[in-house]
Every structure is written in C-alpha cells, then in structure tokens.
Amino acid sequence: MVILDLILPRMDGGQTYLAMKQVDRDLKAMFCSGFTSDQLISSLLQEEHLRAVRKPFRIDEFLAAVRDSLDTPRV
C-alpha cells in the first residue's frame, strides 16, 4: 500500500498514483492532504475507489482509512 500527499514537487499525488498503477494494477493507495476539493482529484478518488484523509487528521481517522483502503477490493 502507498500513502500519497496530493501536492508533490514534480508530479502531483494523482499522477504518481496513476504511474504506479501501471506497474501494479492491484496497487492499494490512499491520499492525505489539506486539499481535497479539486474536481480532478475528486474524480480520481471516485473512479478509483480511493480514500483521502484531510490534514490535519486524528490518528484514529488515519488508521480507519488505511484499514478501509486495505479491505476495499480493487475494481
């Protein structure tokens, strides 16, 4: 499983996820970011059935999102 921030220096988290998914179609992933309102990101999360945890987050929220991400079957 990979946990990505949406805002990264060279490639954003969405682009990074899509590149990694080309290597492993069964990749489990989730995002952590203070920015989850962008339409493009929202579409990616919905299409790929991915979770996003908004910063700052509580550890129990983070752990629940990790568990849910691991348990969600890939489509």
C-alpha atoms as a PDB file:
ATOM      1  CA  MET A   1       0.000   0.000   0.000  1.00  0.00           C
ATOM      2  CA  VAL A   2       1.138   3.512  -0.776  1.00  0.00           C
ATOM      3  CA  ILE A   3       0.069   6.673   1.032  1.00  0.00           C
ATOM      4  CA  LEU A   4       0.486   9.817  -1.049  1.00  0.00           C
ATOM      5  CA  ASP A   5       0.103  13.516  -0.497  1.00  0.00           C
ATOM      6  CA  LEU A   6      -1.841  15.235  -3.264  1.00  0.00           C
ATOM      7  CA  ILE A   7       0.646  18.100  -3.540  1.00  0.00           C
ATOM      8  CA  LEU A   8       4.114  16.884  -4.532  1.00  0.00           C
ATOM      9  CA  PRO A   9       7.007  18.806  -6.154  1.00  0.00           C
ATOM     10  CA  ARG A  10       7.378  17.218  -9.606  1.00  0.00           C
ATOM     11  CA  MET A  11       4.276  15.093 -10.082  1.00  0.00           C
ATOM     12  CA  ASP A  12       1.144  15.503  -8.019  1.00  0.00           C
ATOM     13  CA  GLY A  13      -0.134  12.579  -5.988  1.00  0.00           C
ATOM     14  CA  GLY A  14      -2.776  11.681  -8.566  1.00  0.00           C
ATOM     15  CA  GLN A  15      -0.222  11.480 -11.372  1.00  0.00           C
ATOM     16  CA  THR A  16       2.124   9.489  -9.141  1.00  0.00           C
ATOM     17  CA  TYR A  17      -0.653   7.035  -8.280  1.00  0.00           C
ATOM     18  CA  LEU A  18      -1.582   6.533 -11.953  1.00  0.00           C
ATOM     19  CA  ALA A  19       2.077   5.922 -12.888  1.00  0.00           C
ATOM     20  CA  MET A  20       2.492   3.406 -10.052  1.00  0.00           C
ATOM     21  CA  LYS A  21      -0.752   1.679 -11.026  1.00  0.00           C
ATOM     22  CA  GLN A  22       0.748   0.985 -14.478  1.00  0.00           C
ATOM     23  CA  VAL A  23       3.384  -1.109 -12.699  1.00  0.00           C
ATOM     24  CA  ASP A  24       0.939  -2.836 -10.315  1.00  0.00           C
ATOM     25  CA  ARG A  25      -2.756  -2.883 -11.269  1.00  0.00           C
ATOM     26  CA  ASP A  26      -3.640  -4.167  -7.778  1.00  0.00           C
ATOM     27  CA  LEU A  27      -1.955  -1.226  -6.036  1.00  0.00           C
ATOM     28  CA  LYS A  28      -3.656  -0.193  -2.806  1.00  0.00           C
ATOM     29  CA  ALA A  29      -3.422   3.521  -2.148  1.00  0.00           C
ATOM     30  CA  MET A  30      -4.853   6.411  -0.185  1.00  0.00           C
ATOM     31  CA  PHE A  31      -4.195  10.126  -0.031  1.00  0.00           C
ATOM     32  CA  CYS A  32      -3.507  12.577   2.764  1.00  0.00           C
ATOM     33  CA  SER A  33      -3.818  16.258   2.025  1.00  0.00           C
ATOM     34  CA  GLY A  34      -5.198  19.568   3.092  1.00  0.00           C
ATOM     35  CA  PHE A  35      -6.557  19.967  -0.446  1.00  0.00           C
ATOM     36  CA  THR A  36      -9.299  17.517  -1.477  1.00  0.00           C
ATOM     37  CA  SER A  37     -11.779  19.882  -3.092  1.00  0.00           C
ATOM     38  CA  ASP A  38     -10.207  19.966  -6.567  1.00  0.00           C
ATOM     39  CA  GLN A  39     -12.608  18.461  -9.143  1.00  0.00           C
ATOM     40  CA  LEU A  40      -9.871  16.458 -10.877  1.00  0.00           C
ATOM     41  CA  ILE A  41      -8.774  14.897  -7.584  1.00  0.00           C
ATOM     42  CA  SER A  42     -12.376  14.210  -6.561  1.00  0.00           C
ATOM     43  CA  SER A  43     -12.956  12.419  -9.872  1.00  0.00           C
ATOM     44  CA  LEU A  44      -9.826  10.296  -9.445  1.00  0.00           C
ATOM     45  CA  LEU A  45     -10.799   9.321  -5.908  1.00  0.00           C
ATOM     46  CA  GLN A  46     -14.294   8.345  -7.014  1.00  0.00           C
ATOM     47  CA  GLU A  47     -13.259   6.497 -10.190  1.00  0.00           C
ATOM     48  CA  GLU A  48     -10.515   4.535  -8.452  1.00  0.00           C
ATOM     49  CA  HIS A  49     -12.464   3.986  -5.203  1.00  0.00           C
ATOM     50  CA  LEU A  50      -9.694   5.613  -3.161  1.00  0.00           C
ATOM     51  CA  ARG A  51      -9.804   7.239   0.254  1.00  0.00           C
ATOM     52  CA  ALA A  52      -8.488  10.657   1.184  1.00  0.00           C
ATOM     53  CA  VAL A  53      -7.849  11.884   4.713  1.00  0.00           C
ATOM     54  CA  ARG A  54      -7.865  15.629   5.167  1.00  0.00           C
ATOM     55  CA  LYS A  55      -4.981  17.161   7.144  1.00  0.00           C
ATOM     56  CA  PRO A  56      -4.815  17.682  10.000  1.00  0.00           C
ATOM     57  CA  PHE A  57      -6.287  14.329  10.920  1.00  0.00           C
ATOM     58  CA  ARG A  58      -6.627  12.301  14.075  1.00  0.00           C
ATOM     59  CA  ILE A  59      -4.698   9.034  14.224  1.00  0.00           C
ATOM     60  CA  ASP A  60      -7.907   7.009  14.572  1.00  0.00           C
ATOM     61  CA  GLU A  61      -9.258   8.590  11.347  1.00  0.00           C
ATOM     62  CA  PHE A  62      -5.992   7.809   9.583  1.00  0.00           C
ATOM     63  CA  LEU A  63      -5.915   4.201  10.783  1.00  0.00           C
ATOM     64  CA  ALA A  64      -9.562   3.660   9.812  1.00  0.00           C
ATOM     65  CA  ALA A  65      -8.819   4.978   6.308  1.00  0.00           C
ATOM     66  CA  VAL A  66      -5.793   2.679   5.992  1.00  0.00           C
ATOM     67  CA  ARG A  67      -7.860  -0.316   7.116  1.00  0.00           C
ATOM     68  CA  ASP A  68     -10.671   0.581   4.718  1.00  0.00           C
ATOM     69  CA  SER A  69      -8.214   1.022   1.850  1.00  0.00           C
ATOM     70  CA  LEU A  70      -6.646  -2.361   2.504  1.00  0.00           C
ATOM     71  CA  ASP A  71     -10.039  -4.061   2.771  1.00  0.00           C
ATOM     72  CA  THR A  72     -11.605  -2.462  -0.316  1.00  0.00           C
ATOM     73  CA  PRO A  73     -11.354  -4.788  -3.305  1.00  0.00           C
ATOM     74  CA  ARG A  74      -9.762  -3.317  -6.437  1.00  0.00           C
ATOM     75  CA  VAL A  75     -12.136  -2.907  -9.338  1.00  0.00           C
END
